[in-house]
Amino acid sequence: MRFYQYSILYVILIILFFAQYGFASVQEETAAWVVRWHIDSPAEIHSICSEAKGKYNTLLVQVRGRADAYYSSNLVPRAEELAGQQEEFDPLSTILSQCSENKIQAWINVFYLWTGEIPPESPQHPARVANSWIIKDNNGKSVSEYSPLTQAQGWIEGIYADPSSPDYRVYLLDIVKEIIGKYPIEGIHLDFIRYPGLSYGYDSNLAGQFSDTYGFDPKWLPDSINHHMIAAWLDGSMVL
């Protein structure tokens, strides 16, 4: 009987608690990607913020598309698509101000540097000034030397940085530090954090480190592998 009385009292206390403080509402997280050509003018940003209002909690805003800046930077060349805008126009700052109801994350393309036959205008662009960190294919040819036909045959979108390059990693870290130091963003959203394909990476710093560590040239590895191949290799019935 006493247990029953305590149970009733416990239920009453719970009801009183929620009556006083209310039931916690579940906040649904919704997010949208905002591609860079939708923030290249004040009018575009106004339209984006109006559309996002009441629909999304978070906006992932692309502020680095082709190793350029849709924000104020001392490290990265200003995006060529902003050439027609006022010099003081800062897309990231503007969207932070106008989309104040939303959490803003800075979306950056990491290793994808440039595309197309026409090179970037800025001499400071990383696709031009630091050939040491441009990725090479497995035959040792820099992708910056590719013709459009070679790009298509190699299934590569354009010029990439080598993910194993220590210099490029330091440069990228400095970029991220600059963004989070200047803007009250909620986070960094990383894209193109990969090698461009199977034909790239074996002629790089990482391949040399792999060979030094394991005594095995990664060029000998097949382009694809499964557990049957691994088992055959381990029992000696298949030689890589």
Protein backbone atom coordinates (compact mmCIF):
# COMPACT_ATOMS: atom_id res chain seq x y z
CA MET A 1 0.00 0.00 0.00
CA ARG A 2 2.84 2.40 0.92
CA PHE A 3 4.59 1.67 -2.42
CA TYR A 4 1.35 2.56 -4.24
CA GLN A 5 1.09 5.86 -2.33
CA TYR A 6 4.71 6.74 -3.18
CA SER A 7 4.06 5.96 -6.83
CA ILE A 8 1.06 8.29 -6.94
CA LEU A 9 3.10 11.02 -5.25
CA TYR A 10 5.94 10.57 -7.77
CA VAL A 11 3.52 10.95 -10.71
CA ILE A 12 1.99 14.07 -9.16
CA LEU A 13 5.47 15.64 -8.72
CA ILE A 14 6.31 14.96 -12.37
CA ILE A 15 3.05 16.58 -13.51
CA LEU A 16 3.68 19.63 -11.33
CA PHE A 17 7.22 19.96 -12.64
CA PHE A 18 6.15 20.02 -16.28
CA ALA A 19 3.20 22.27 -15.48
CA GLN A 20 5.66 24.80 -14.07
CA TYR A 21 8.53 24.53 -16.55
CA GLY A 22 6.77 23.27 -19.64
CA PHE A 23 7.57 20.34 -21.87
CA ALA A 24 10.86 20.70 -23.69
CA SER A 25 10.19 21.14 -27.37
CA VAL A 26 12.19 19.02 -29.76
CA GLN A 27 14.22 21.26 -32.06
CA GLU A 28 14.40 19.79 -35.54
CA GLU A 29 17.74 20.45 -37.22
CA THR A 30 17.38 21.39 -40.87
CA ALA A 31 20.20 22.58 -43.10
CA ALA A 32 20.77 23.70 -46.67
CA TRP A 33 23.84 24.09 -48.85
CA VAL A 34 24.28 27.56 -50.34
CA VAL A 35 26.45 27.41 -53.46
CA ARG A 36 28.85 30.30 -54.08
CA TRP A 37 27.02 31.72 -57.12
CA HIS A 38 24.07 32.42 -54.81
CA ILE A 39 26.17 34.75 -52.63
CA ASP A 40 27.98 36.73 -55.34
CA SER A 41 25.80 39.83 -54.93
CA PRO A 42 23.85 41.55 -52.13
CA ALA A 43 20.60 40.85 -53.99
CA GLU A 44 21.33 37.10 -54.16
CA ILE A 45 22.12 37.01 -50.44
CA HIS A 46 18.92 38.90 -49.59
CA SER A 47 16.95 36.34 -51.62
CA ILE A 48 18.68 33.39 -49.93
CA CYS A 49 18.06 34.75 -46.42
CA SER A 50 14.41 35.44 -47.21
CA GLU A 51 13.95 31.90 -48.52
CA ALA A 52 15.77 30.32 -45.56
CA LYS A 53 13.81 32.18 -42.90
CA GLY A 54 11.71 29.77 -40.89
CA LYS A 55 12.79 26.78 -43.01
CA TYR A 56 16.38 26.05 -41.99
CA ASN A 57 18.39 26.19 -38.77
CA THR A 58 21.76 25.98 -40.51
CA LEU A 59 23.20 27.20 -43.79
CA LEU A 60 26.37 25.63 -45.22
CA VAL A 61 27.72 28.56 -47.23
CA GLN A 62 30.34 27.87 -49.90
CA VAL A 63 32.99 30.54 -49.35
CA ARG A 64 35.85 28.72 -51.11
CA GLY A 65 35.07 27.12 -54.44
CA ARG A 66 38.20 27.11 -56.60
CA ALA A 67 40.90 28.06 -54.06
CA ASP A 68 39.41 31.57 -53.92
CA ALA A 69 37.64 33.67 -51.30
CA TYR A 70 34.05 34.79 -50.97
CA TYR A 71 35.13 36.62 -47.84
CA SER A 72 37.80 39.11 -46.82
CA SER A 73 41.19 37.38 -46.87
CA ASN A 74 44.86 38.23 -46.62
CA LEU A 75 45.82 34.75 -47.81
CA VAL A 76 43.42 33.83 -50.58
CA PRO A 77 42.68 35.71 -53.83
CA ARG A 78 39.21 37.25 -54.08
CA ALA A 79 36.84 35.18 -56.24
CA GLU A 80 36.85 36.35 -59.85
CA GLU A 81 33.03 36.18 -59.88
CA LEU A 82 33.01 39.15 -57.46
CA ALA A 83 34.88 41.43 -59.88
CA GLY A 84 31.71 43.40 -60.69
CA GLN A 85 30.88 44.08 -57.04
CA GLN A 86 32.01 46.87 -54.74
CA GLU A 87 35.42 46.17 -53.25
CA GLU A 88 34.00 46.35 -49.71
CA PHE A 89 31.35 43.72 -50.48
CA ASP A 90 32.05 40.70 -48.26
CA PRO A 91 29.65 37.81 -49.00
CA LEU A 92 30.33 35.88 -45.79
CA SER A 93 29.97 38.93 -43.58
CA THR A 94 26.79 39.94 -45.41
CA ILE A 95 25.12 36.57 -45.06
CA LEU A 96 26.05 36.40 -41.37
CA SER A 97 24.36 39.75 -40.88
CA GLN A 98 21.26 39.17 -43.01
CA CYS A 99 20.69 35.52 -42.08
CA SER A 100 21.06 36.22 -38.36
CA GLU A 101 18.43 33.61 -37.46
CA ASN A 102 20.53 30.85 -38.99
CA LYS A 103 23.70 29.09 -37.90
CA ILE A 104 26.30 29.64 -40.60
CA GLN A 105 29.02 27.15 -41.46
CA ALA A 106 31.79 28.00 -43.92
CA TRP A 107 31.81 25.41 -46.72
CA ILE A 108 35.23 25.10 -48.35
CA ASN A 109 36.56 22.95 -51.18
CA VAL A 110 39.86 21.60 -49.90
CA PHE A 111 42.01 20.02 -52.63
CA TYR A 112 40.12 21.07 -55.79
CA LEU A 113 41.92 24.24 -56.94
CA TRP A 114 40.84 25.21 -60.44
CA THR A 115 39.04 24.10 -63.58
CA GLY A 116 38.91 25.12 -67.24
CA GLU A 117 41.47 26.02 -69.90
CA ILE A 118 41.92 29.64 -68.78
CA PRO A 119 44.24 29.88 -65.74
CA PRO A 120 43.27 31.99 -62.73
CA GLU A 121 43.97 35.72 -63.08
CA SER A 122 45.62 36.21 -59.70
CA PRO A 123 49.36 35.42 -59.64
CA GLN A 124 48.83 34.49 -55.96
CA HIS A 125 46.37 31.75 -56.80
CA PRO A 126 47.65 28.38 -55.43
CA ALA A 127 47.07 26.70 -58.79
CA ARG A 128 49.75 29.01 -60.20
CA VAL A 129 52.28 29.83 -57.50
CA ALA A 130 53.02 26.50 -55.85
CA ASN A 131 53.54 23.80 -58.44
CA SER A 132 55.27 21.68 -55.81
CA TRP A 133 51.91 20.91 -54.24
CA ILE A 134 49.99 20.25 -57.47
CA ILE A 135 49.16 16.56 -57.65
CA LYS A 136 50.82 14.33 -60.24
CA ASP A 137 49.37 11.28 -61.90
CA ASN A 138 50.86 7.82 -61.46
CA ASN A 139 53.19 8.50 -64.41
CA GLY A 140 54.65 11.56 -62.70
CA LYS A 141 52.88 14.19 -64.84
CA SER A 142 51.45 17.25 -63.09
CA VAL A 143 47.72 17.69 -63.66
CA SER A 144 48.37 21.40 -64.31
CA GLU A 145 49.89 20.26 -67.63
CA TYR A 146 46.79 18.35 -68.71
CA SER A 147 44.89 19.30 -71.84
CA PRO A 148 41.05 19.20 -71.71
CA LEU A 149 41.17 15.84 -73.47
CA THR A 150 43.66 14.42 -70.94
CA GLN A 151 41.45 15.69 -68.11
CA ALA A 152 38.45 13.91 -69.59
CA GLN A 153 40.43 10.70 -70.12
CA GLY A 154 41.75 10.87 -66.56
CA TRP A 155 38.32 11.53 -65.06
CA ILE A 156 39.60 14.60 -63.24
CA GLU A 157 37.63 17.84 -62.88
CA GLY A 158 40.64 20.14 -62.97
CA ILE A 159 43.74 21.04 -60.98
CA TYR A 160 44.08 19.42 -57.55
CA ALA A 161 46.51 19.88 -54.71
CA ASP A 162 48.28 16.76 -53.48
CA PRO A 163 46.64 15.74 -50.17
CA SER A 164 50.01 14.45 -48.96
CA SER A 165 51.79 17.79 -49.47
CA PRO A 166 52.97 19.16 -46.08
CA ASP A 167 53.19 22.70 -47.49
CA TYR A 168 49.62 22.64 -48.73
CA ARG A 169 48.34 21.28 -45.42
CA VAL A 170 49.98 24.18 -43.57
CA TYR A 171 48.51 26.63 -46.09
CA LEU A 172 45.03 25.15 -45.68
CA LEU A 173 45.27 25.27 -41.89
CA ASP A 174 46.18 28.96 -42.11
CA ILE A 175 43.10 29.54 -44.26
CA VAL A 176 40.81 27.89 -41.72
CA LYS A 177 42.43 29.85 -38.87
CA GLU A 178 41.85 33.09 -40.75
CA ILE A 179 38.16 32.34 -41.34
CA ILE A 180 37.35 31.33 -37.77
CA GLY A 181 39.40 34.24 -36.46
CA LYS A 182 37.46 36.83 -38.48
CA TYR A 183 33.90 35.51 -38.58
CA PRO A 184 31.47 34.20 -35.90
CA ILE A 185 30.65 31.02 -37.79
CA GLU A 186 29.36 27.79 -36.28
CA GLY A 187 31.83 25.50 -38.01
CA ILE A 188 33.83 24.53 -41.11
CA HIS A 189 32.22 22.24 -43.70
CA LEU A 190 34.86 20.39 -45.77
CA ASP A 191 34.36 19.25 -49.36
CA PHE A 192 36.65 17.60 -51.94
CA ILE A 193 38.81 16.09 -49.21
CA ARG A 194 40.00 13.29 -51.45
CA TYR A 195 42.29 12.25 -54.24
CA PRO A 196 40.74 12.91 -57.67
CA GLY A 197 40.79 9.22 -58.65
CA LEU A 198 42.65 5.93 -58.83
CA SER A 199 45.24 7.27 -61.27
CA TYR A 200 46.67 9.72 -58.74
CA GLY A 201 48.66 9.52 -55.53
CA TYR A 202 51.17 6.76 -56.24
CA ASP A 203 53.78 9.33 -57.30
CA SER A 204 53.59 11.44 -54.14
CA ASN A 205 55.08 11.98 -50.70
CA LEU A 206 52.54 9.57 -49.24
CA ALA A 207 53.56 6.79 -51.63
CA GLY A 208 57.19 7.27 -50.64
CA GLN A 209 56.32 7.13 -46.94
CA PHE A 210 54.27 3.97 -47.52
CA SER A 211 57.17 2.31 -49.34
CA ASP A 212 59.67 3.32 -46.65
CA THR A 213 57.40 2.00 -43.89
CA TYR A 214 56.23 -1.26 -45.43
CA GLY A 215 58.90 -1.99 -48.05
CA PHE A 216 56.18 -2.28 -50.65
CA ASP A 217 55.64 0.01 -53.65
CA PRO A 218 51.94 0.98 -53.70
CA LYS A 219 52.08 1.02 -57.52
CA TRP A 220 51.97 -2.77 -57.27
CA LEU A 221 48.57 -2.65 -55.61
CA PRO A 222 45.53 -3.38 -57.81
CA ASP A 223 43.02 -0.60 -58.45
CA SER A 224 40.37 -2.56 -56.55
CA ILE A 225 40.63 -5.27 -53.92
CA ASN A 226 38.28 -7.57 -51.99
CA HIS A 227 38.57 -10.14 -49.22
CA HIS A 228 38.95 -13.05 -51.68
CA MET A 229 42.02 -11.38 -53.21
CA ILE A 230 43.48 -10.70 -49.77
CA ALA A 231 42.97 -14.32 -48.70
CA ALA A 232 44.58 -15.57 -51.95
CA TRP A 233 47.53 -13.24 -51.48
CA LEU A 234 48.03 -14.35 -47.87
CA ASP A 235 47.98 -18.07 -48.72
CA GLY A 236 50.38 -17.51 -51.66
CA SER A 237 48.02 -18.49 -54.45
CA MET A 238 48.02 -14.97 -55.90
CA VAL A 239 50.94 -12.62 -56.35
CA LEU A 240 50.30 -8.88 -56.51
